[in-house]
Amino acid sequence: MASDKPISRFPIPRVDELPEDLREMVLNVQEKTGFIPNVFLALAHRPDECRAFFAMHDALMLREGNLTKAEKEMIVVTVSGGNECHYCVVAHGAILRIVAKNALLADQLAINYRKQIRHAV
């Protein structure tokens, strides 16, 4: 059931109101994941900060290295769980389902990362 309750005290721009570069970034996320995380629209209230967030995200998550995208998302889900950020656990858990192609692993990690880490080591 959809809610009319706002996600923020700040005005949340619609996608068609975003500067062109931010609109492209947000739509790219939607294309890859099937949804636009609310936090991106909330960040877009401050375009410069939103651009900085995407630059940091891309540097950490998209750069080639020793970790796969799935492993990076597992770390993000685990850190989000440790921080008790349920929004981030759900959002990154959804992304982990996609990149790991393992819904069970993603859900188990999102529900109880401590138990999953013990079994993975």
PDB file of N, CA and C in Angstrom:
ATOM      1  N   MET A   1       0.840  -1.157   0.000  1.00  0.00           N
ATOM      2  CA  MET A   1       0.000   0.000   0.000  1.00  0.00           C
ATOM      3  C   MET A   1       0.896   1.235   0.000  1.00  0.00           C
ATOM      4  N   ALA A   2       0.696   2.134  -0.918  1.00  0.00           N
ATOM      5  CA  ALA A   2       1.472   3.363  -1.012  1.00  0.00           C
ATOM      6  C   ALA A   2       1.048   4.329   0.082  1.00  0.00           C
ATOM      7  N   SER A   3       2.006   5.123   0.517  1.00  0.00           N
ATOM      8  CA  SER A   3       1.739   6.099   1.568  1.00  0.00           C
ATOM      9  C   SER A   3       1.920   7.499   1.016  1.00  0.00           C
ATOM     10  N   ASP A   4       1.097   8.414   1.488  1.00  0.00           N
ATOM     11  CA  ASP A   4       1.249   9.811   1.094  1.00  0.00           C
ATOM     12  C   ASP A   4       2.197  10.547   2.030  1.00  0.00           C
ATOM     13  N   LYS A   5       2.703   9.858   3.036  1.00  0.00           N
ATOM     14  CA  LYS A   5       3.605  10.463   4.000  1.00  0.00           C
ATOM     15  C   LYS A   5       4.938  10.762   3.317  1.00  0.00           C
ATOM     16  N   PRO A   6       5.441  11.998   3.439  1.00  0.00           N
ATOM     17  CA  PRO A   6       6.707  12.335   2.779  1.00  0.00           C
ATOM     18  C   PRO A   6       7.878  11.573   3.386  1.00  0.00           C
ATOM     19  N   ILE A   7       8.916  11.356   2.579  1.00  0.00           N
ATOM     20  CA  ILE A   7      10.095  10.641   3.054  1.00  0.00           C
ATOM     21  C   ILE A   7      11.089  11.580   3.716  1.00  0.00           C
ATOM     22  N   SER A   8      10.849  12.876   3.622  1.00  0.00           N
ATOM     23  CA  SER A   8      11.806  13.844   4.131  1.00  0.00           C
ATOM     24  C   SER A   8      11.100  15.133   4.513  1.00  0.00           C
ATOM     25  N   ARG A   9      11.735  15.878   5.388  1.00  0.00           N
ATOM     26  CA  ARG A   9      11.238  17.224   5.705  1.00  0.00           C
ATOM     27  C   ARG A   9      11.581  18.195   4.588  1.00  0.00           C
ATOM     28  N   PHE A  10      12.522  17.811   3.768  1.00  0.00           N
ATOM     29  CA  PHE A  10      12.970  18.656   2.672  1.00  0.00           C
ATOM     30  C   PHE A  10      12.176  18.333   1.417  1.00  0.00           C
ATOM     31  N   PRO A  11      12.065  19.301   0.538  1.00  0.00           N
ATOM     32  CA  PRO A  11      11.357  19.001  -0.712  1.00  0.00           C
ATOM     33  C   PRO A  11      12.130  17.951  -1.518  1.00  0.00           C
ATOM     34  N   ILE A  12      11.419  16.963  -1.993  1.00  0.00           N
ATOM     35  CA  ILE A  12      12.024  15.895  -2.789  1.00  0.00           C
ATOM     36  C   ILE A  12      11.687  16.159  -4.251  1.00  0.00           C
ATOM     37  N   PRO A  13      12.701  16.440  -5.057  1.00  0.00           N
ATOM     38  CA  PRO A  13      12.422  16.717  -6.468  1.00  0.00           C
ATOM     39  C   PRO A  13      11.957  15.464  -7.207  1.00  0.00           C
ATOM     40  N   ARG A  14      11.123  15.669  -8.184  1.00  0.00           N
ATOM     41  CA  ARG A  14      10.739  14.570  -9.071  1.00  0.00           C
ATOM     42  C   ARG A  14      11.896  14.330 -10.043  1.00  0.00           C
ATOM     43  N   VAL A  15      11.950  13.158 -10.597  1.00  0.00           N
ATOM     44  CA  VAL A  15      13.034  12.812 -11.519  1.00  0.00           C
ATOM     45  C   VAL A  15      13.092  13.799 -12.677  1.00  0.00           C
ATOM     46  N   ASP A  16      11.944  14.195 -13.199  1.00  0.00           N
ATOM     47  CA  ASP A  16      11.949  15.123 -14.340  1.00  0.00           C
ATOM     48  C   ASP A  16      12.365  16.539 -13.953  1.00  0.00           C
ATOM     49  N   GLU A  17      12.508  16.819 -12.659  1.00  0.00           N
ATOM     50  CA  GLU A  17      12.954  18.134 -12.196  1.00  0.00           C
ATOM     51  C   GLU A  17      14.457  18.180 -11.921  1.00  0.00           C
ATOM     52  N   LEU A  18      15.115  17.046 -11.990  1.00  0.00           N
ATOM     53  CA  LEU A  18      16.541  16.980 -11.665  1.00  0.00           C
ATOM     54  C   LEU A  18      17.384  17.595 -12.770  1.00  0.00           C
ATOM     55  N   PRO A  19      18.567  18.142 -12.415  1.00  0.00           N
ATOM     56  CA  PRO A  19      19.512  18.548 -13.455  1.00  0.00           C
ATOM     57  C   PRO A  19      19.831  17.335 -14.335  1.00  0.00           C
ATOM     58  N   GLU A  20      20.127  17.579 -15.571  1.00  0.00           N
ATOM     59  CA  GLU A  20      20.309  16.505 -16.555  1.00  0.00           C
ATOM     60  C   GLU A  20      21.295  15.435 -16.085  1.00  0.00           C
ATOM     61  N   ASP A  21      22.441  15.845 -15.539  1.00  0.00           N
ATOM     62  CA  ASP A  21      23.436  14.847 -15.128  1.00  0.00           C
ATOM     63  C   ASP A  21      22.920  13.973 -13.984  1.00  0.00           C
ATOM     64  N   LEU A  22      22.211  14.568 -13.024  1.00  0.00           N
ATOM     65  CA  LEU A  22      21.658  13.773 -11.924  1.00  0.00           C
ATOM     66  C   LEU A  22      20.529  12.875 -12.405  1.00  0.00           C
ATOM     67  N   ARG A  23      19.733  13.379 -13.327  1.00  0.00           N
ATOM     68  CA  ARG A  23      18.649  12.560 -13.885  1.00  0.00           C
ATOM     69  C   ARG A  23      19.235  11.313 -14.544  1.00  0.00           C
ATOM     70  N   GLU A  24      20.315  11.486 -15.313  1.00  0.00           N
ATOM     71  CA  GLU A  24      20.966  10.340 -15.959  1.00  0.00           C
ATOM     72  C   GLU A  24      21.486   9.344 -14.923  1.00  0.00           C
ATOM     73  N   MET A  25      22.101   9.851 -13.850  1.00  0.00           N
ATOM     74  CA  MET A  25      22.628   8.967 -12.806  1.00  0.00           C
ATOM     75  C   MET A  25      21.507   8.172 -12.146  1.00  0.00           C
ATOM     76  N   VAL A  26      20.427   8.859 -11.791  1.00  0.00           N
ATOM     77  CA  VAL A  26      19.307   8.217 -11.103  1.00  0.00           C
ATOM     78  C   VAL A  26      18.624   7.202 -12.020  1.00  0.00           C
ATOM     79  N   LEU A  27      18.433   7.561 -13.271  1.00  0.00           N
ATOM     80  CA  LEU A  27      17.794   6.632 -14.205  1.00  0.00           C
ATOM     81  C   LEU A  27      18.693   5.432 -14.498  1.00  0.00           C
ATOM     82  N   ASN A  28      20.004   5.635 -14.459  1.00  0.00           N
ATOM     83  CA  ASN A  28      20.943   4.522 -14.625  1.00  0.00           C
ATOM     84  C   ASN A  28      20.800   3.536 -13.465  1.00  0.00           C
ATOM     85  N   VAL A  29      20.659   4.063 -12.250  1.00  0.00           N
ATOM     86  CA  VAL A  29      20.434   3.200 -11.084  1.00  0.00           C
ATOM     87  C   VAL A  29      19.132   2.427 -11.264  1.00  0.00           C
ATOM     88  N   GLN A  30      18.094   3.123 -11.698  1.00  0.00           N
ATOM     89  CA  GLN A  30      16.796   2.473 -11.896  1.00  0.00           C
ATOM     90  C   GLN A  30      16.895   1.363 -12.946  1.00  0.00           C
ATOM     91  N   GLU A  31      17.634   1.621 -14.005  1.00  0.00           N
ATOM     92  CA  GLU A  31      17.790   0.613 -15.059  1.00  0.00           C
ATOM     93  C   GLU A  31      18.499  -0.635 -14.532  1.00  0.00           C
ATOM     94  N   LYS A  32      19.514  -0.443 -13.685  1.00  0.00           N
ATOM     95  CA  LYS A  32      20.293  -1.570 -13.169  1.00  0.00           C
ATOM     96  C   LYS A  32      19.567  -2.343 -12.076  1.00  0.00           C
ATOM     97  N   THR A  33      18.811  -1.623 -11.234  1.00  0.00           N
ATOM     98  CA  THR A  33      18.232  -2.259 -10.050  1.00  0.00           C
ATOM     99  C   THR A  33      16.725  -2.434 -10.121  1.00  0.00           C
ATOM    100  N   GLY A  34      16.086  -1.713 -11.025  1.00  0.00           N
ATOM    101  CA  GLY A  34      14.635  -1.806 -11.125  1.00  0.00           C
ATOM    102  C   GLY A  34      13.892  -0.824 -10.239  1.00  0.00           C
ATOM    103  N   PHE A  35      14.632  -0.014  -9.483  1.00  0.00           N
ATOM    104  CA  PHE A  35      13.988   0.979  -8.627  1.00  0.00           C
ATOM    105  C   PHE A  35      14.952   2.137  -8.375  1.00  0.00           C
ATOM    106  N   ILE A  36      14.395   3.256  -7.920  1.00  0.00           N
ATOM    107  CA  ILE A  36      15.204   4.407  -7.526  1.00  0.00           C
ATOM    108  C   ILE A  36      15.145   4.496  -6.007  1.00  0.00           C
ATOM    109  N   PRO A  37      16.258   4.278  -5.327  1.00  0.00           N
ATOM    110  CA  PRO A  37      16.248   4.423  -3.873  1.00  0.00           C
ATOM    111  C   PRO A  37      15.834   5.843  -3.475  1.00  0.00           C
ATOM    112  N   ASN A  38      14.933   5.934  -2.516  1.00  0.00           N
ATOM    113  CA  ASN A  38      14.444   7.238  -2.064  1.00  0.00           C
ATOM    114  C   ASN A  38      15.572   8.164  -1.647  1.00  0.00           C
ATOM    115  N   VAL A  39      16.628   7.593  -1.093  1.00  0.00           N
ATOM    116  CA  VAL A  39      17.723   8.418  -0.605  1.00  0.00           C
ATOM    117  C   VAL A  39      18.348   9.226  -1.743  1.00  0.00           C
ATOM    118  N   PHE A  40      18.361   8.693  -2.953  1.00  0.00           N
ATOM    119  CA  PHE A  40      18.931   9.441  -4.072  1.00  0.00           C
ATOM    120  C   PHE A  40      18.101  10.676  -4.387  1.00  0.00           C
ATOM    121  N   LEU A  41      16.786  10.529  -4.330  1.00  0.00           N
ATOM    122  CA  LEU A  41      15.931  11.687  -4.577  1.00  0.00           C
ATOM    123  C   LEU A  41      16.046  12.692  -3.437  1.00  0.00           C
ATOM    124  N   ALA A  42      16.199  12.207  -2.212  1.00  0.00           N
ATOM    125  CA  ALA A  42      16.381  13.120  -1.084  1.00  0.00           C
ATOM    126  C   ALA A  42      17.709  13.868  -1.221  1.00  0.00           C
ATOM    127  N   LEU A  43      18.773  13.158  -1.614  1.00  0.00           N
ATOM    128  CA  LEU A  43      20.068  13.808  -1.810  1.00  0.00           C
ATOM    129  C   LEU A  43      20.026  14.827  -2.943  1.00  0.00           C
ATOM    130  N   ALA A  44      19.197  14.589  -3.926  1.00  0.00           N
ATOM    131  CA  ALA A  44      19.116  15.481  -5.089  1.00  0.00           C
ATOM    132  C   ALA A  44      18.602  16.866  -4.717  1.00  0.00           C
ATOM    133  N   HIS A  45      18.063  17.004  -3.503  1.00  0.00           N
ATOM    134  CA  HIS A  45      17.666  18.330  -3.000  1.00  0.00           C
ATOM    135  C   HIS A  45      18.886  19.250  -2.967  1.00  0.00           C
ATOM    136  N   ARG A  46      20.061  18.667  -2.779  1.00  0.00           N
ATOM    137  CA  ARG A  46      21.333  19.400  -2.779  1.00  0.00           C
ATOM    138  C   ARG A  46      22.191  18.806  -3.898  1.00  0.00           C
ATOM    139  N   PRO A  47      22.068  19.311  -5.123  1.00  0.00           N
ATOM    140  CA  PRO A  47      22.729  18.686  -6.278  1.00  0.00           C
ATOM    141  C   PRO A  47      24.236  18.477  -6.136  1.00  0.00           C
ATOM    142  N   ASP A  48      24.958  19.444  -5.583  1.00  0.00           N
ATOM    143  CA  ASP A  48      26.412  19.275  -5.467  1.00  0.00           C
ATOM    144  C   ASP A  48      26.765  18.121  -4.541  1.00  0.00           C
ATOM    145  N   GLU A  49      26.046  18.015  -3.425  1.00  0.00           N
ATOM    146  CA  GLU A  49      26.295  16.925  -2.490  1.00  0.00           C
ATOM    147  C   GLU A  49      25.898  15.580  -3.103  1.00  0.00           C
ATOM    148  N   CYS A  50      24.841  15.589  -3.884  1.00  0.00           N
ATOM    149  CA  CYS A  50      24.404  14.366  -4.557  1.00  0.00           C
ATOM    150  C   CYS A  50      25.468  13.894  -5.548  1.00  0.00           C
ATOM    151  N   ARG A  51      26.034  14.836  -6.291  1.00  0.00           N
ATOM    152  CA  ARG A  51      27.109  14.480  -7.231  1.00  0.00           C
ATOM    153  C   ARG A  51      28.315  13.903  -6.482  1.00  0.00           C
ATOM    154  N   ALA A  52      28.653  14.506  -5.347  1.00  0.00           N
ATOM    155  CA  ALA A  52      29.782  14.015  -4.547  1.00  0.00           C
ATOM    156  C   ALA A  52      29.499  12.603  -4.035  1.00  0.00           C
ATOM    157  N   PHE A  53      28.262  12.356  -3.611  1.00  0.00           N
ATOM    158  CA  PHE A  53      27.890  11.016  -3.149  1.00  0.00           C
ATOM    159  C   PHE A  53      28.063   9.995  -4.271  1.00  0.00           C
ATOM    160  N   PHE A  54      27.556  10.320  -5.467  1.00  0.00           N
ATOM    161  CA  PHE A  54      27.677   9.387  -6.589  1.00  0.00           C
ATOM    162  C   PHE A  54      29.140   9.167  -6.963  1.00  0.00           C
ATOM    163  N   ALA A  55      29.967  10.218  -6.884  1.00  0.00           N
ATOM    164  CA  ALA A  55      31.394  10.070  -7.193  1.00  0.00           C
ATOM    165  C   ALA A  55      32.061   9.126  -6.194  1.00  0.00           C
ATOM    166  N   MET A  56      31.720   9.286  -4.898  1.00  0.00           N
ATOM    167  CA  MET A  56      32.284   8.403  -3.879  1.00  0.00           C
ATOM    168  C   MET A  56      31.791   6.966  -4.092  1.00  0.00           C
ATOM    169  N   HIS A  57      30.494   6.826  -4.338  1.00  0.00           N
ATOM    170  CA  HIS A  57      29.924   5.499  -4.585  1.00  0.00           C
ATOM    171  C   HIS A  57      30.633   4.817  -5.752  1.00  0.00           C
ATOM    172  N   ASP A  58      30.769   5.538  -6.847  1.00  0.00           N
ATOM    173  CA  ASP A  58      31.384   4.949  -8.037  1.00  0.00           C
ATOM    174  C   ASP A  58      32.840   4.561  -7.785  1.00  0.00           C
ATOM    175  N   ALA A  59      33.572   5.404  -7.037  1.00  0.00           N
ATOM    176  CA  ALA A  59      34.973   5.098  -6.739  1.00  0.00           C
ATOM    177  C   ALA A  59      35.097   3.829  -5.902  1.00  0.00           C
ATOM    178  N   LEU A  60      34.165   3.624  -4.984  1.00  0.00           N
ATOM    179  CA  LEU A  60      34.231   2.451  -4.108  1.00  0.00           C
ATOM    180  C   LEU A  60      33.610   1.202  -4.725  1.00  0.00           C
ATOM    181  N   MET A  61      32.488   1.368  -5.384  1.00  0.00           N
ATOM    182  CA  MET A  61      31.695   0.207  -5.792  1.00  0.00           C
ATOM    183  C   MET A  61      31.899  -0.215  -7.245  1.00  0.00           C
ATOM    184  N   LEU A  62      32.300   0.686  -8.103  1.00  0.00           N
ATOM    185  CA  LEU A  62      32.388   0.352  -9.526  1.00  0.00           C
ATOM    186  C   LEU A  62      33.813   0.135 -10.019  1.00  0.00           C
ATOM    187  N   ARG A  63      34.784   0.565  -9.247  1.00  0.00           N
ATOM    188  CA  ARG A  63      36.177   0.404  -9.657  1.00  0.00           C
ATOM    189  C   ARG A  63      36.549  -1.076  -9.649  1.00  0.00           C
ATOM    190  N   GLU A  64      37.273  -1.488 -10.658  1.00  0.00           N
ATOM    191  CA  GLU A  64      37.743  -2.872 -10.730  1.00  0.00           C
ATOM    192  C   GLU A  64      38.781  -3.099  -9.637  1.00  0.00           C
ATOM    193  N   GLY A  65      38.756  -4.281  -9.075  1.00  0.00           N
ATOM    194  CA  GLY A  65      39.710  -4.615  -8.025  1.00  0.00           C
ATOM    195  C   GLY A  65      39.619  -6.088  -7.697  1.00  0.00           C
ATOM    196  N   ASN A  66      40.028  -6.440  -6.491  1.00  0.00           N
ATOM    197  CA  ASN A  66      40.044  -7.841  -6.079  1.00  0.00           C
ATOM    198  C   ASN A  66      38.685  -8.360  -5.642  1.00  0.00           C
ATOM    199  N   LEU A  67      37.764  -7.461  -5.304  1.00  0.00           N
ATOM    200  CA  LEU A  67      36.440  -7.875  -4.848  1.00  0.00           C
ATOM    201  C   LEU A  67      35.427  -7.799  -5.985  1.00  0.00           C
ATOM    202  N   THR A  68      34.534  -8.758  -6.014  1.00  0.00           N
ATOM    203  CA  THR A  68      33.450  -8.722  -6.999  1.00  0.00           C
ATOM    204  C   THR A  68      32.398  -7.716  -6.533  1.00  0.00           C
ATOM    205  N   LYS A  69      31.483  -7.370  -7.428  1.00  0.00           N
ATOM    206  CA  LYS A  69      30.376  -6.482  -7.043  1.00  0.00           C
ATOM    207  C   LYS A  69      29.551  -7.116  -5.930  1.00  0.00           C
ATOM    208  N   ALA A  70      29.343  -8.417  -6.013  1.00  0.00           N
ATOM    209  CA  ALA A  70      28.571  -9.111  -4.980  1.00  0.00           C
ATOM    210  C   ALA A  70      29.285  -9.038  -3.633  1.00  0.00           C
ATOM    211  N   GLU A  71      30.591  -9.235  -3.621  1.00  0.00           N
ATOM    212  CA  GLU A  71      31.336  -9.161  -2.359  1.00  0.00           C
ATOM    213  C   GLU A  71      31.271  -7.758  -1.767  1.00  0.00           C
ATOM    214  N   LYS A  72      31.367  -6.753  -2.623  1.00  0.00           N
ATOM    215  CA  LYS A  72      31.254  -5.370  -2.135  1.00  0.00           C
ATOM    216  C   LYS A  72      29.872  -5.121  -1.538  1.00  0.00           C
ATOM    217  N   GLU A  73      28.832  -5.604  -2.197  1.00  0.00           N
ATOM    218  CA  GLU A  73      27.475  -5.423  -1.663  1.00  0.00           C
ATOM    219  C   GLU A  73      27.285  -6.203  -0.367  1.00  0.00           C
ATOM    220  N   MET A  74      27.923  -7.373  -0.253  1.00  0.00           N
ATOM    221  CA  MET A  74      27.847  -8.118   1.011  1.00  0.00           C
ATOM    222  C   MET A  74      28.443  -7.294   2.146  1.00  0.00           C
ATOM    223  N   ILE A  75      29.548  -6.616   1.870  1.00  0.00           N
ATOM    224  CA  ILE A  75      30.161  -5.754   2.883  1.00  0.00           C
ATOM    225  C   ILE A  75      29.211  -4.621   3.253  1.00  0.00           C
ATOM    226  N   VAL A  76      28.589  -4.007   2.249  1.00  0.00           N
ATOM    227  CA  VAL A  76      27.673  -2.894   2.520  1.00  0.00           C
ATOM    228  C   VAL A  76      26.474  -3.368   3.337  1.00  0.00           C
ATOM    229  N   VAL A  77      25.919  -4.523   3.004  1.00  0.00           N
ATOM    230  CA  VAL A  77      24.782  -5.056   3.772  1.00  0.00           C
ATOM    231  C   VAL A  77      25.212  -5.327   5.210  1.00  0.00           C
ATOM    232  N   THR A  78      26.392  -5.897   5.387  1.00  0.00           N
ATOM    233  CA  THR A  78      26.887  -6.204   6.727  1.00  0.00           C
ATOM    234  C   THR A  78      27.118  -4.933   7.542  1.00  0.00           C
ATOM    235  N   VAL A  79      27.764  -3.945   6.954  1.00  0.00           N
ATOM    236  CA  VAL A  79      27.995  -2.674   7.651  1.00  0.00           C
ATOM    237  C   VAL A  79      26.664  -1.998   7.972  1.00  0.00           C
ATOM    238  N   SER A  80      25.735  -2.038   7.040  1.00  0.00           N
ATOM    239  CA  SER A  80      24.411  -1.450   7.275  1.00  0.00           C
ATOM    240  C   SER A  80      23.705  -2.141   8.433  1.00  0.00           C
ATOM    241  N   GLY A  81      23.842  -3.461   8.506  1.00  0.00           N
ATOM    242  CA  GLY A  81      23.264  -4.196   9.631  1.00  0.00           C
ATOM    243  C   GLY A  81      23.919  -3.812  10.943  1.00  0.00           C
ATOM    244  N   GLY A  82      25.239  -3.701  10.934  1.00  0.00           N
ATOM    245  CA  GLY A  82      25.965  -3.296  12.132  1.00  0.00           C
ATOM    246  C   GLY A  82      25.590  -1.896  12.584  1.00  0.00           C
ATOM    247  N   ASN A  83      25.290  -1.035  11.623  1.00  0.00           N
ATOM    248  CA  ASN A  83      24.861   0.337  11.931  1.00  0.00           C
ATOM    249  C   ASN A  83      23.374   0.419  12.253  1.00  0.00           C
ATOM    250  N   GLU A  84      22.689  -0.713  12.147  1.00  0.00           N
ATOM    251  CA  GLU A  84      21.243  -0.781  12.375  1.00  0.00           C
ATOM    252  C   GLU A  84      20.471   0.185  11.470  1.00  0.00           C
ATOM    253  N   CYS A  85      20.949   0.304  10.234  1.00  0.00           N
ATOM    254  CA  CYS A  85      20.254   1.130   9.241  1.00  0.00           C
ATOM    255  C   CYS A  85      19.390   0.196   8.394  1.00  0.00           C
ATOM    256  N   HIS A  86      18.164   0.026   8.820  1.00  0.00           N
ATOM    257  CA  HIS A  86      17.266  -0.915   8.152  1.00  0.00           C
ATOM    258  C   HIS A  86      17.001  -0.511   6.704  1.00  0.00           C
ATOM    259  N   TYR A  87      16.909   0.789   6.449  1.00  0.00           N
ATOM    260  CA  TYR A  87      16.710   1.260   5.076  1.00  0.00           C
ATOM    261  C   TYR A  87      17.849   0.751   4.189  1.00  0.00           C
ATOM    262  N   CYS A  88      19.087   0.935   4.648  1.00  0.00           N
ATOM    263  CA  CYS A  88      20.242   0.529   3.843  1.00  0.00           C
ATOM    264  C   CYS A  88      20.327  -0.987   3.692  1.00  0.00           C
ATOM    265  N   VAL A  89      19.974  -1.722   4.752  1.00  0.00           N
ATOM    266  CA  VAL A  89      19.973  -3.187   4.668  1.00  0.00           C
ATOM    267  C   VAL A  89      19.012  -3.644   3.581  1.00  0.00           C
ATOM    268  N   VAL A  90      17.820  -3.071   3.571  1.00  0.00           N
ATOM    269  CA  VAL A  90      16.814  -3.466   2.578  1.00  0.00           C
ATOM    270  C   VAL A  90      17.260  -3.066   1.173  1.00  0.00           C
ATOM    271  N   ALA A  91      17.712  -1.814   1.014  1.00  0.00           N
ATOM    272  CA  ALA A  91      18.108  -1.335  -0.318  1.00  0.00           C
ATOM    273  C   ALA A  91      19.294  -2.132  -0.862  1.00  0.00           C
ATOM    274  N   HIS A  92      20.329  -2.297  -0.048  1.00  0.00           N
ATOM    275  CA  HIS A  92      21.511  -3.016  -0.530  1.00  0.00           C
ATOM    276  C   HIS A  92      21.280  -4.520  -0.579  1.00  0.00           C
ATOM    277  N   GLY A  93      20.380  -5.016   0.260  1.00  0.00           N
ATOM    278  CA  GLY A  93      19.993  -6.422   0.155  1.00  0.00           C
ATOM    279  C   GLY A  93      19.342  -6.709  -1.188  1.00  0.00           C
ATOM    280  N   ALA A  94      18.524  -5.760  -1.657  1.00  0.00           N
ATOM    281  CA  ALA A  94      17.884  -5.915  -2.971  1.00  0.00           C
ATOM    282  C   ALA A  94      18.926  -5.906  -4.085  1.00  0.00           C
ATOM    283  N   ILE A  95      19.898  -5.020  -3.968  1.00  0.00           N
ATOM    284  CA  ILE A  95      20.961  -4.965  -4.978  1.00  0.00           C
ATOM    285  C   ILE A  95      21.804  -6.243  -4.917  1.00  0.00           C
ATOM    286  N   LEU A  96      22.080  -6.723  -3.708  1.00  0.00           N
ATOM    287  CA  LEU A  96      22.852  -7.962  -3.551  1.00  0.00           C
ATOM    288  C   LEU A  96      22.134  -9.138  -4.201  1.00  0.00           C
ATOM    289  N   ARG A  97      20.820  -9.199  -4.070  1.00  0.00           N
ATOM    290  CA  ARG A  97      20.055 -10.266  -4.729  1.00  0.00           C
ATOM    291  C   ARG A  97      20.343 -10.273  -6.229  1.00  0.00           C
ATOM    292  N   ILE A  98      20.428  -9.077  -6.810  1.00  0.00           N
ATOM    293  CA  ILE A  98      20.627  -8.951  -8.258  1.00  0.00           C
ATOM    294  C   ILE A  98      22.049  -9.342  -8.646  1.00  0.00           C
ATOM    295  N   VAL A  99      23.048  -8.758  -7.975  1.00  0.00           N
ATOM    296  CA  VAL A  99      24.430  -8.981  -8.414  1.00  0.00           C
ATOM    297  C   VAL A  99      24.967 -10.348  -8.000  1.00  0.00           C
ATOM    298  N   ALA A 100      24.498 -10.890  -6.878  1.00  0.00           N
ATOM    299  CA  ALA A 100      24.973 -12.207  -6.441  1.00  0.00           C
ATOM    300  C   ALA A 100      24.214 -13.337  -7.126  1.00  0.00           C
ATOM    301  N   LYS A 101      23.044 -13.007  -7.670  1.00  0.00           N
ATOM    302  CA  LYS A 101      22.178 -14.025  -8.277  1.00  0.00           C
ATOM    303  C   LYS A 101      21.903 -15.151  -7.277  1.00  0.00           C
ATOM    304  N   ASN A 102      21.778 -14.745  -6.007  1.00  0.00           N
ATOM    305  CA  ASN A 102      21.540 -15.705  -4.932  1.00  0.00           C
ATOM    306  C   ASN A 102      20.639 -15.029  -3.902  1.00  0.00           C
ATOM    307  N   ALA A 103      19.340 -15.145  -4.118  1.00  0.00           N
ATOM    308  CA  ALA A 103      18.378 -14.482  -3.237  1.00  0.00           C
ATOM    309  C   ALA A 103      18.478 -14.999  -1.808  1.00  0.00           C
ATOM    310  N   LEU A 104      18.728 -16.291  -1.644  1.00  0.00           N
ATOM    311  CA  LEU A 104      18.808 -16.868  -0.304  1.00  0.00           C
ATOM    312  C   LEU A 104      19.960 -16.252   0.484  1.00  0.00           C
ATOM    313  N   LEU A 105      21.132 -16.191  -0.118  1.00  0.00           N
ATOM    314  CA  LEU A 105      22.286 -15.588   0.546  1.00  0.00           C
ATOM    315  C   LEU A 105      21.998 -14.137   0.913  1.00  0.00           C
ATOM    316  N   ALA A 106      21.462 -13.384  -0.027  1.00  0.00           N
ATOM    317  CA  ALA A 106      21.171 -11.968   0.223  1.00  0.00           C
ATOM    318  C   ALA A 106      20.193 -11.806   1.374  1.00  0.00           C
ATOM    319  N   ASP A 107      19.145 -12.602   1.375  1.00  0.00           N
ATOM    320  CA  ASP A 107      18.141 -12.495   2.435  1.00  0.00           C
ATOM    321  C   ASP A 107      18.704 -12.930   3.783  1.00  0.00           C
ATOM    322  N   GLN A 108      19.478 -14.005   3.799  1.00  0.00           N
ATOM    323  CA  GLN A 108      20.063 -14.465   5.057  1.00  0.00           C
ATOM    324  C   GLN A 108      21.032 -13.433   5.626  1.00  0.00           C
ATOM    325  N   LEU A 109      21.817 -12.828   4.772  1.00  0.00           N
ATOM    326  CA  LEU A 109      22.762 -11.808   5.218  1.00  0.00           C
ATOM    327  C   LEU A 109      22.021 -10.584   5.741  1.00  0.00           C
ATOM    328  N   ALA A 110      20.963 -10.192   5.062  1.00  0.00           N
ATOM    329  CA  ALA A 110      20.180  -9.029   5.495  1.00  0.00           C
ATOM    330  C   ALA A 110      19.479  -9.288   6.826  1.00  0.00           C
ATOM    331  N   ILE A 111      19.003 -10.505   7.026  1.00  0.00           N
ATOM    332  CA  ILE A 111      18.264 -10.824   8.252  1.00  0.00           C
ATOM    333  C   ILE A 111      19.200 -10.975   9.448  1.00  0.00           C
ATOM    334  N   ASN A 112      20.326 -11.656   9.262  1.00  0.00           N
ATOM    335  CA  ASN A 112      21.212 -11.909  10.393  1.00  0.00           C
ATOM    336  C   ASN A 112      22.648 -12.013   9.890  1.00  0.00           C
ATOM    337  N   TYR A 113      23.282 -10.865   9.681  1.00  0.00           N
ATOM    338  CA  TYR A 113      24.632 -10.871   9.126  1.00  0.00           C
ATOM    339  C   TYR A 113      25.633 -11.551  10.068  1.00  0.00           C
ATOM    340  N   ARG A 114      25.428 -11.448  11.380  1.00  0.00           N
ATOM    341  CA  ARG A 114      26.379 -12.064  12.319  1.00  0.00           C
ATOM    342  C   ARG A 114      26.449 -13.585  12.131  1.00  0.00           C
ATOM    343  N   LYS A 115      25.304 -14.207  12.004  1.00  0.00           N
ATOM    344  CA  LYS A 115      25.258 -15.658  11.815  1.00  0.00           C
ATOM    345  C   LYS A 115      25.878 -16.038  10.472  1.00  0.00           C
ATOM    346  N   GLN A 116      25.573 -15.288   9.429  1.00  0.00           N
ATOM    347  CA  GLN A 116      26.089 -15.614   8.099  1.00  0.00           C
ATOM    348  C   GLN A 116      27.599 -15.453   8.032  1.00  0.00           C
ATOM    349  N   ILE A 117      28.124 -14.448   8.708  1.00  0.00           N
ATOM    350  CA  ILE A 117      29.575 -14.249   8.694  1.00  0.00           C
ATOM    351  C   ILE A 117      30.271 -15.419   9.380  1.00  0.00           C
ATOM    352  N   ARG A 118      29.729 -15.898  10.486  1.00  0.00           N
ATOM    353  CA  ARG A 118      30.330 -17.047  11.184  1.00  0.00           C
ATOM    354  C   ARG A 118      30.371 -18.273  10.279  1.00  0.00           C
ATOM    355  N   HIS A 119      29.319 -18.476   9.497  1.00  0.00           N
ATOM    356  CA  HIS A 119      29.264 -19.653   8.625  1.00  0.00           C
ATOM    357  C   HIS A 119      30.110 -19.488   7.367  1.00  0.00           C
ATOM    358  N   ALA A 120      30.392 -18.260   6.988  1.00  0.00           N
ATOM    359  CA  ALA A 120      31.153 -18.021   5.765  1.00  0.00           C
ATOM    360  C   ALA A 120      32.655 -18.130   5.995  1.00  0.00           C
ATOM    361  N   VAL A 121      33.083 -17.968   7.235  1.00  0.00           N
ATOM    362  CA  VAL A 121      34.520 -17.937   7.534  1.00  0.00           C
ATOM    363  C   VAL A 121      35.059 -19.321   7.767  1.00  0.00           C
TER     364      VAL A 121
END
